[in-house]
Each structure stands twice: as structure tokens, then as C-alpha cells.
Amino acid sequence: MASIKDVAAEAGVSVATVSRVLNDHPSVSEDARRRVLAAVKALGYRPNAVARSLRTDQTHTLGLVISDVLNPYFTELARSVEEEARALGYSVIIGNADERPDLQDHHVRTLLDRRIDGLLVSPTDGGSPLMLDAARAGTPMVFVDRWIPGVDVPVVRSDGRAAVRDLVAHLYGLGHRRLAIIAGPAATTTGRERVEAFREALADFGLPLPDAYIGQGDFQAESGRRVTEGFLDLPEPPEVVFAADNLMALGALDAVRARGLTVPGDLALAAFDDIPWFVHTDPPVTAIAQPTGELGRAAVRALVDRIEGRPPRSVTLPARLVVRRSCGEPPQPAPTSPPVPPSPVQRSTS
């Protein structure tokens, strides 16, 4: 592998000149710049990113700690983060917390040891002393999707309250009155917020939310299955189950089918966090969709602003209701083909 000295010898310049060209220093003549870049190309030289970071105090690397890489929402979020970071000249190292605070802190500590330039985190809970210490120490950081109250860090998230109210209005219009929720962990801001939004929306329509209709999940499919089984065992089961994330919704769907029941015939189902799979389930699942790609891109832009000395800002984007057929919605009429105009009359020329 070619070294910087090989490039200098090939271009007929000093090592310092090569370094200035690679760092886009303005003091290099156009002739020297052209010869150095030609030598770099001819020799296939690749600058050592770690060595460069020791000189510039930057690695052009971001850390991303997501709550669960198996959750399609976070998979899409990670993809948009990586794409936006690459477009801005940064690489991304991803850590999967698997909804475990201890694993989250392990990844945060490892990434900070790797001298990343900034950190994107979707916190698994609100009690991490490590995260608080990192923020107080001035580590460039942005919370995405979830956040830790009281920590002075920009937050990029969606606001689902209006969409949850739209969902409850939709369910009420379909005639449903007994609505239950599979909640996410109370230690997460999204877990608490979605239950509060659901309760407030039900109250707007004069509907109660009994304790028996609040099931505690953990944003994993198995908890959705367990909670739904408990709902089905109640003397008066709910008519609708609203799962506060997509994996718990899939677990709920499994629980219904395991008993030989149907959605929505025996139990209607709706979910927070729309995913591509939901259009392929039978029936397709009514869900609240977050602008996941834009959230990831906005989070990267906020973090890069912080890294490069520009004032970062928090961003809140609206979620929206996507109506399908899992709550007893009437079937949509099949699209009709536009009328075909009659062929012009052919006139005989004979």
C-alpha cells in the first residue's frame, strides 16, 4: 500500500505539500495540487483516517445508538442517518441497544472511546448517568425519536398526538367504544407519551380507559402477544387494541390468530409506527406513520451543525394516520378504468 512519502516522491514535492493538498489548504499552487492528485490516483493512495484525525482532532465519524435494530422503524431510521451523514462527509458507527439500558451505555462508552465527532441516541430509558455526564461534558449529541427530560440536548422527533386523536375519531366513527392499548415502557418518553395521547383522545369522545384496558409492553413482539392474550381473557374484552409500536402489533396479531379468531371480526387492531409489512398482512393494518426518513436526516443535520459550530435546533415533525382494513373499515371500491373514447369513424375514400 502506497504511503504519503510515495505520493510525495511521485509528484516531486515535499510530504508537507502532499498533506496540504489532501487537507485542501489554500496555500498550494495549482501545479503542485494537480501533480499531487495525479500521484494519489496513480498510486491508489488512501489517506489514513485515524492518522488524519490525530492532526485535525476530527474523525468525521458519527455514532448512532438505536433502541432495537430488529424494529423496522429503527432500521429505516438508521438507513436515513447513514445516507445523510455520507452526503455531508461523515461515516456512521451503529450500536444496537436491544431496548437494554446497560447495552445502550456500553455502546455509548465504546463510541466515545473511539473519538467519534458526535453522537445520535434514541434512549432506552431516562436514567443514564453516562448520557447525562456526556452532555454536561459538551459532547456533541442529539436525541432522536426519544429523549431524556432535563438534559439540554437537541431533540428530533415526531409528534403523534394529533394522529392518535385522528385514530380515536376514526374508531369512534366505526362504532367502537371499548378501546385498549398495549403501552410501551414507562421509562421511555414515547412509551409515556402515547398512553397519555390515547387517554386524552378517548376523553375527548367521552370514552373511559379502564386500568384493565392498559397492558404494559416493552416494544417487543412477545409482549404484544402476552398483553393481547390477557385482553382476550377479560370478562368483557375490548373491541379494539391499539399497539404503541409495530412489533407489539405483530405480537397481538399472532395472539388473535393462535385462538382461531380473526382481525377485525373478533378484535380490531391498530398500531403506532407504520411499516411496509402492514400492507401485506391480512387484513392490512391501520397505523400511525412517522416521517422516519426525514427524522433521520434532520437529526444528522442538527448534529453536524453542533459539531461544526453552528447553533443546532430541535425539530418536531407531525405523524399521520394511515387507514387500511384492520379496524372494520368498509372495503375500498376497486379503481375503475377511465372511459375509453370511441374510435373515430373511418370514412371510405372510394
Protein backbone atom coordinates (compact mmCIF):
# COMPACT_ATOMS: atom_id res chain seq x y z
CA MET A 1 0.00 0.00 0.00
CA ALA A 2 1.36 3.40 -1.03
CA SER A 3 2.40 5.85 1.69
CA ILE A 4 2.32 9.63 1.77
CA LYS A 5 6.09 9.58 1.13
CA ASP A 6 5.50 7.56 -2.05
CA VAL A 7 2.99 10.16 -3.21
CA ALA A 8 5.46 12.98 -2.47
CA ALA A 9 8.22 11.23 -4.43
CA GLU A 10 5.90 10.51 -7.39
CA ALA A 11 4.70 14.14 -7.51
CA GLY A 12 8.15 15.64 -6.91
CA VAL A 13 7.01 17.64 -3.88
CA SER A 14 7.52 17.50 -0.10
CA VAL A 15 5.43 15.42 2.26
CA ALA A 16 4.14 18.68 3.78
CA THR A 17 2.85 19.77 0.37
CA VAL A 18 1.02 16.47 -0.08
CA SER A 19 -0.55 16.90 3.35
CA ARG A 20 -1.67 20.42 2.49
CA VAL A 21 -3.26 19.24 -0.76
CA LEU A 22 -5.10 16.40 0.99
CA ASN A 23 -6.39 18.84 3.61
CA ASP A 24 -7.42 21.35 0.92
CA HIS A 25 -5.07 24.04 2.18
CA PRO A 26 -5.26 27.22 0.05
CA SER A 27 -1.51 27.91 0.03
CA VAL A 28 -0.68 25.20 -2.55
CA SER A 29 -0.12 26.18 -6.18
CA GLU A 30 -2.42 24.74 -8.83
CA ASP A 31 0.52 22.97 -10.49
CA ALA A 32 1.55 21.24 -7.26
CA ARG A 33 -2.07 20.37 -6.46
CA ARG A 34 -2.53 18.81 -9.90
CA ARG A 35 0.68 16.73 -9.62
CA VAL A 36 -0.21 15.50 -6.11
CA LEU A 37 -3.75 14.48 -7.11
CA ALA A 38 -2.39 12.69 -10.18
CA ALA A 39 0.09 10.80 -7.97
CA VAL A 40 -2.64 9.89 -5.49
CA LYS A 41 -4.71 8.44 -8.34
CA ALA A 42 -1.78 6.63 -9.99
CA LEU A 43 -0.63 5.01 -6.74
CA GLY A 44 -4.11 4.34 -5.35
CA TYR A 45 -3.18 6.16 -2.15
CA ARG A 46 -5.82 6.25 0.61
CA PRO A 47 -5.21 8.69 3.49
CA ASN A 48 -5.24 7.10 6.92
CA ALA A 49 -8.40 8.47 8.53
CA VAL A 50 -7.19 7.73 12.07
CA ALA A 51 -3.85 9.42 11.49
CA ARG A 52 -5.57 12.44 9.97
CA SER A 53 -7.90 12.65 12.94
CA LEU A 54 -4.92 12.93 15.28
CA ARG A 55 -3.82 16.04 13.37
CA THR A 56 -7.22 17.63 12.91
CA ASP A 57 -8.90 16.39 16.13
CA GLN A 58 -11.77 15.11 13.97
CA THR A 59 -12.58 11.61 12.75
CA HIS A 60 -15.54 12.60 10.55
CA THR A 61 -17.37 9.74 12.24
CA LEU A 62 -20.74 9.83 13.98
CA GLY A 63 -22.09 7.33 16.48
CA LEU A 64 -25.70 6.13 16.36
CA VAL A 65 -27.19 4.12 19.23
CA ILE A 66 -30.65 2.82 18.34
CA SER A 67 -33.10 1.05 20.60
CA ASP A 68 -33.71 -2.11 18.54
CA VAL A 69 -32.17 -2.87 15.15
CA LEU A 70 -34.81 -5.57 14.54
CA ASN A 71 -37.58 -2.98 14.70
CA PRO A 72 -38.24 -1.87 11.09
CA TYR A 73 -38.80 1.69 12.27
CA PHE A 74 -35.27 1.92 13.66
CA THR A 75 -33.83 0.08 10.65
CA GLU A 76 -35.27 2.74 8.36
CA LEU A 77 -34.10 5.47 10.74
CA ALA A 78 -30.54 4.10 10.70
CA ARG A 79 -30.54 3.96 6.91
CA SER A 80 -31.60 7.59 6.57
CA VAL A 81 -28.99 8.64 9.15
CA GLU A 82 -26.25 6.83 7.24
CA GLU A 83 -27.29 8.29 3.88
CA GLU A 84 -27.45 11.88 5.16
CA ALA A 85 -24.18 11.54 7.06
CA ARG A 86 -22.42 10.21 3.96
CA ALA A 87 -23.74 13.12 1.92
CA LEU A 88 -22.23 15.51 4.48
CA GLY A 89 -18.85 13.75 4.54
CA TYR A 90 -19.28 11.63 7.67
CA SER A 91 -19.28 7.89 8.37
CA VAL A 92 -21.57 6.25 10.94
CA ILE A 93 -20.91 3.53 13.53
CA ILE A 94 -24.12 1.91 14.79
CA GLY A 95 -24.75 0.30 18.16
CA ASN A 96 -27.90 -1.73 18.91
CA ALA A 97 -29.15 -1.32 22.48
CA ASP A 98 -31.80 -4.05 22.12
CA GLU A 99 -34.02 -2.00 24.50
CA ARG A 100 -31.48 -2.59 27.31
CA PRO A 101 -30.10 0.43 29.24
CA ASP A 102 -26.89 -1.43 30.12
CA LEU A 103 -26.21 -2.29 26.48
CA GLN A 104 -27.04 1.27 25.47
CA ASP A 105 -24.42 2.64 27.88
CA HIS A 106 -21.89 0.07 26.68
CA HIS A 107 -22.26 1.32 23.11
CA VAL A 108 -22.15 4.98 24.16
CA ARG A 109 -18.96 4.40 26.15
CA THR A 110 -17.35 2.46 23.28
CA LEU A 111 -18.22 5.12 20.72
CA LEU A 112 -16.84 7.91 22.90
CA ASP A 113 -13.62 5.91 23.31
CA ARG A 114 -13.41 5.70 19.51
CA ARG A 115 -13.28 9.51 19.42
CA ILE A 116 -16.38 10.00 17.32
CA ASP A 117 -17.21 13.60 16.45
CA GLY A 118 -20.81 13.40 17.66
CA LEU A 119 -23.47 11.05 18.97
CA LEU A 120 -27.07 10.32 17.97
CA VAL A 121 -29.05 8.37 20.58
CA SER A 122 -32.58 7.04 20.92
CA PRO A 123 -32.52 6.49 24.71
CA THR A 124 -33.89 3.25 26.13
CA ASP A 125 -34.68 4.99 29.43
CA GLY A 126 -34.32 8.33 31.15
CA GLY A 127 -31.91 7.39 33.90
CA SER A 128 -28.49 7.01 32.27
CA PRO A 129 -25.80 8.87 34.29
CA LEU A 130 -23.37 8.26 31.40
CA MET A 131 -25.60 10.14 28.96
CA LEU A 132 -26.02 12.99 31.42
CA ASP A 133 -22.25 13.19 32.02
CA ALA A 134 -21.55 13.16 28.26
CA ALA A 135 -24.00 16.02 27.69
CA ARG A 136 -22.54 18.05 30.57
CA ALA A 137 -19.02 17.47 29.22
CA GLY A 138 -20.04 19.14 25.95
CA THR A 139 -20.12 16.03 23.76
CA PRO A 140 -21.98 16.96 20.55
CA MET A 141 -25.17 14.95 20.93
CA VAL A 142 -28.70 14.80 19.53
CA PHE A 143 -31.59 12.69 20.80
CA VAL A 144 -33.72 11.17 18.05
CA ASP A 145 -37.26 9.74 18.46
CA ARG A 146 -36.91 9.55 22.25
CA TRP A 147 -35.27 11.93 24.69
CA ILE A 148 -34.26 12.36 28.33
CA PRO A 149 -36.19 15.17 30.04
CA GLY A 150 -33.98 17.73 31.72
CA VAL A 151 -30.91 17.01 29.55
CA ASP A 152 -30.00 20.05 27.45
CA VAL A 153 -29.61 18.26 24.11
CA PRO A 154 -31.43 18.96 20.82
CA VAL A 155 -34.29 16.52 20.17
CA VAL A 156 -35.50 15.40 16.74
CA ARG A 157 -38.82 13.56 16.99
CA SER A 158 -42.33 13.27 15.66
CA ASP A 159 -45.46 14.46 17.44
CA GLY A 160 -48.12 11.74 17.34
CA ARG A 161 -50.80 13.36 19.49
CA ALA A 162 -52.87 14.70 16.59
CA ALA A 163 -52.56 11.39 14.74
CA VAL A 164 -53.65 9.43 17.84
CA ARG A 165 -56.69 11.67 18.14
CA ASP A 166 -57.42 11.10 14.44
CA LEU A 167 -57.22 7.36 15.09
CA VAL A 168 -59.63 7.51 18.04
CA ALA A 169 -62.03 9.65 15.99
CA HIS A 170 -61.80 7.08 13.19
CA LEU A 171 -62.50 4.18 15.56
CA TYR A 172 -65.40 6.06 17.18
CA GLY A 173 -66.87 6.69 13.75
CA LEU A 174 -66.71 2.96 13.03
CA GLY A 175 -68.82 2.33 16.15
CA HIS A 176 -66.08 1.09 18.50
CA ARG A 177 -66.42 2.08 22.16
CA ARG A 178 -64.20 -0.35 24.10
CA LEU A 179 -60.62 0.61 23.19
CA ALA A 180 -57.49 -0.81 24.81
CA ILE A 181 -53.79 -0.03 24.45
CA ILE A 182 -50.59 -2.06 24.57
CA ALA A 183 -48.26 0.54 26.08
CA GLY A 184 -44.52 0.83 25.64
CA PRO A 185 -42.11 1.00 28.59
CA ALA A 186 -43.00 3.77 31.02
CA ALA A 187 -39.27 4.54 31.33
CA THR A 188 -39.26 5.88 27.74
CA THR A 189 -40.72 9.20 26.67
CA THR A 190 -42.51 7.60 23.73
CA GLY A 191 -43.99 4.91 25.97
CA ARG A 192 -45.49 7.52 28.30
CA GLU A 193 -46.49 10.00 25.60
CA ARG A 194 -48.51 7.55 23.52
CA VAL A 195 -50.56 6.37 26.51
CA GLU A 196 -51.24 9.96 27.54
CA ALA A 197 -52.27 10.92 24.00
CA PHE A 198 -54.57 7.89 23.78
CA ARG A 199 -56.19 8.64 27.15
CA GLU A 200 -56.73 12.31 26.23
CA ALA A 201 -58.24 11.41 22.85
CA LEU A 202 -60.64 8.92 24.44
CA ALA A 203 -61.71 11.56 26.96
CA ASP A 204 -62.50 13.94 24.09
CA PHE A 205 -65.06 11.41 22.89
CA GLY A 206 -66.40 10.62 26.35
CA LEU A 207 -64.78 7.19 26.44
CA PRO A 208 -63.05 5.74 29.52
CA LEU A 209 -59.70 3.94 29.62
CA PRO A 210 -60.05 1.36 32.43
CA ASP A 211 -56.88 0.01 34.01
CA ALA A 212 -57.78 -3.43 32.62
CA TYR A 213 -57.52 -1.94 29.12
CA ILE A 214 -53.93 -0.75 29.63
CA GLY A 215 -51.42 -3.54 29.03
CA GLN A 216 -47.74 -2.99 29.77
CA GLY A 217 -45.48 -3.99 26.88
CA ASP A 218 -41.81 -3.44 26.10
CA PHE A 219 -41.81 -2.60 22.36
CA GLN A 220 -41.15 -6.29 21.59
CA ALA A 221 -43.46 -8.72 19.78
CA GLU A 222 -43.69 -11.20 22.66
CA SER A 223 -45.11 -8.55 24.98
CA GLY A 224 -47.76 -7.68 22.41
CA ARG A 225 -48.76 -11.34 22.29
CA ARG A 226 -48.89 -11.66 26.07
CA VAL A 227 -50.89 -8.48 26.65
CA THR A 228 -53.41 -9.34 23.92
CA GLU A 229 -53.98 -12.77 25.43
CA GLY A 230 -54.79 -11.02 28.70
CA PHE A 231 -57.25 -8.71 26.96
CA LEU A 232 -59.00 -11.68 25.32
CA ASP A 233 -59.38 -13.37 28.71
CA LEU A 234 -61.26 -10.42 30.24
CA PRO A 235 -64.98 -10.89 31.02
CA GLU A 236 -65.60 -8.01 28.61
CA PRO A 237 -62.73 -7.91 26.11
CA PRO A 238 -62.01 -4.70 24.23
CA GLU A 239 -63.31 -4.21 20.71
CA VAL A 240 -60.04 -2.61 19.56
CA VAL A 241 -56.41 -2.99 20.59
CA PHE A 242 -54.06 -0.11 19.81
CA ALA A 243 -50.43 -1.27 19.93
CA ALA A 244 -47.98 1.51 20.71
CA ASP A 245 -45.41 0.16 18.26
CA ASN A 246 -45.28 -2.13 15.24
CA LEU A 247 -43.61 -5.17 16.82
CA MET A 248 -46.20 -5.32 19.62
CA ALA A 249 -48.90 -5.08 16.93
CA LEU A 250 -47.47 -8.14 15.18
CA GLY A 251 -47.46 -9.98 18.51
CA ALA A 252 -51.11 -9.01 19.02
CA LEU A 253 -51.97 -10.33 15.57
CA ASP A 254 -50.28 -13.64 16.44
CA ALA A 255 -52.29 -13.91 19.70
CA VAL A 256 -55.59 -13.41 17.90
CA ARG A 257 -54.81 -15.99 15.24
CA ALA A 258 -53.50 -18.51 17.78
CA ARG A 259 -57.01 -18.66 19.24
CA GLY A 260 -58.65 -19.17 15.89
CA LEU A 261 -60.05 -15.64 15.96
CA THR A 262 -59.90 -13.01 13.24
CA VAL A 263 -58.96 -9.36 12.81
CA PRO A 264 -61.18 -7.35 12.66
CA GLY A 265 -64.08 -9.80 13.04
CA ASP A 266 -63.30 -10.68 16.68
CA LEU A 267 -60.83 -7.94 17.60
CA ALA A 268 -59.86 -4.79 15.69
CA LEU A 269 -56.19 -3.80 15.65
CA ALA A 270 -54.30 -0.55 15.07
CA ALA A 271 -50.64 0.33 15.54
CA PHE A 272 -48.24 3.18 16.08
CA ASP A 273 -45.25 3.14 13.66
CA ASP A 274 -46.35 2.10 10.20
CA ILE A 275 -44.07 -0.37 8.41
CA PRO A 276 -44.03 -1.77 4.85
CA TRP A 277 -45.18 -5.19 6.13
CA PHE A 278 -48.55 -3.82 7.22
CA VAL A 279 -49.87 -3.56 3.66
CA HIS A 280 -49.15 -7.27 3.18
CA THR A 281 -50.84 -8.63 6.32
CA ASP A 282 -54.39 -9.98 6.12
CA PRO A 283 -56.06 -7.62 6.71
CA PRO A 284 -53.71 -4.67 6.08
CA VAL A 285 -53.14 -2.84 9.38
CA THR A 286 -54.40 0.67 10.09
CA ALA A 287 -51.42 2.52 11.55
CA ILE A 288 -49.88 5.84 12.53
CA ALA A 289 -46.92 6.63 10.29
CA GLN A 290 -43.94 8.69 11.40
CA PRO A 291 -41.80 10.62 8.86
CA THR A 292 -38.91 8.29 9.66
CA GLY A 293 -36.57 9.19 6.83
CA GLU A 294 -36.88 12.91 7.43
CA LEU A 295 -36.34 12.40 11.17
CA GLY A 296 -33.04 10.63 10.49
CA ARG A 297 -31.88 13.28 8.06
CA ALA A 298 -32.88 16.15 10.36
CA ALA A 299 -31.06 14.51 13.27
CA VAL A 300 -27.83 14.27 11.29
CA ARG A 301 -28.09 17.89 10.15
CA ALA A 302 -28.65 19.04 13.74
CA LEU A 303 -25.65 17.06 14.96
CA VAL A 304 -23.35 18.28 12.19
CA ASP A 305 -24.42 21.86 12.96
CA ARG A 306 -23.37 21.26 16.56
CA ILE A 307 -20.05 19.70 15.53
CA GLU A 308 -19.19 22.45 13.06
CA GLY A 309 -20.02 25.30 15.40
CA ARG A 310 -23.45 26.29 14.12
CA PRO A 311 -26.37 26.56 16.56
CA PRO A 312 -28.35 23.28 16.43
CA ARG A 313 -32.10 23.22 16.85
CA SER A 314 -34.69 20.72 17.93
CA VAL A 315 -37.11 19.50 15.27
CA THR A 316 -40.64 18.14 15.71
CA LEU A 317 -42.48 16.68 12.71
CA PRO A 318 -46.12 15.51 12.59
CA ALA A 319 -47.15 11.86 12.36
CA ARG A 320 -50.22 10.88 10.32
CA LEU A 321 -52.95 8.25 10.33
CA VAL A 322 -52.95 5.66 7.54
CA VAL A 323 -56.34 3.95 7.26
CA ARG A 324 -56.46 0.37 5.99
CA ARG A 325 -58.80 -2.51 6.96
CA SER A 326 -57.82 -3.94 10.37
CA CYS A 327 -60.42 -1.97 12.33
CA GLY A 328 -63.54 -2.97 10.39
CA GLU A 329 -63.24 -0.31 7.72
CA PRO A 330 -65.50 -0.85 4.74
CA PRO A 331 -63.70 -2.26 1.73
CA GLN A 332 -62.47 0.34 -0.68
CA PRO A 333 -64.10 0.21 -4.10
CA ALA A 334 -61.89 -1.20 -6.80
CA PRO A 335 -60.44 1.50 -9.02
CA THR A 336 -62.33 1.87 -12.25
CA SER A 337 -60.65 2.32 -15.58
CA PRO A 338 -61.22 5.66 -17.26
CA PRO A 339 -63.69 5.52 -20.13
CA VAL A 340 -62.14 4.83 -23.50
CA PRO A 341 -63.16 7.33 -26.15
CA PRO A 342 -64.81 5.79 -29.20
CA SER A 343 -62.64 5.18 -32.21
CA PRO A 344 -63.01 7.81 -34.88
CA VAL A 345 -65.36 6.81 -37.70
CA GLN A 346 -63.40 5.57 -40.66
CA ARG A 347 -64.71 7.11 -43.84
CA SER A 348 -64.37 5.32 -47.10
CA THR A 349 -62.48 7.21 -49.74
CA SER A 350 -63.79 5.08 -52.58
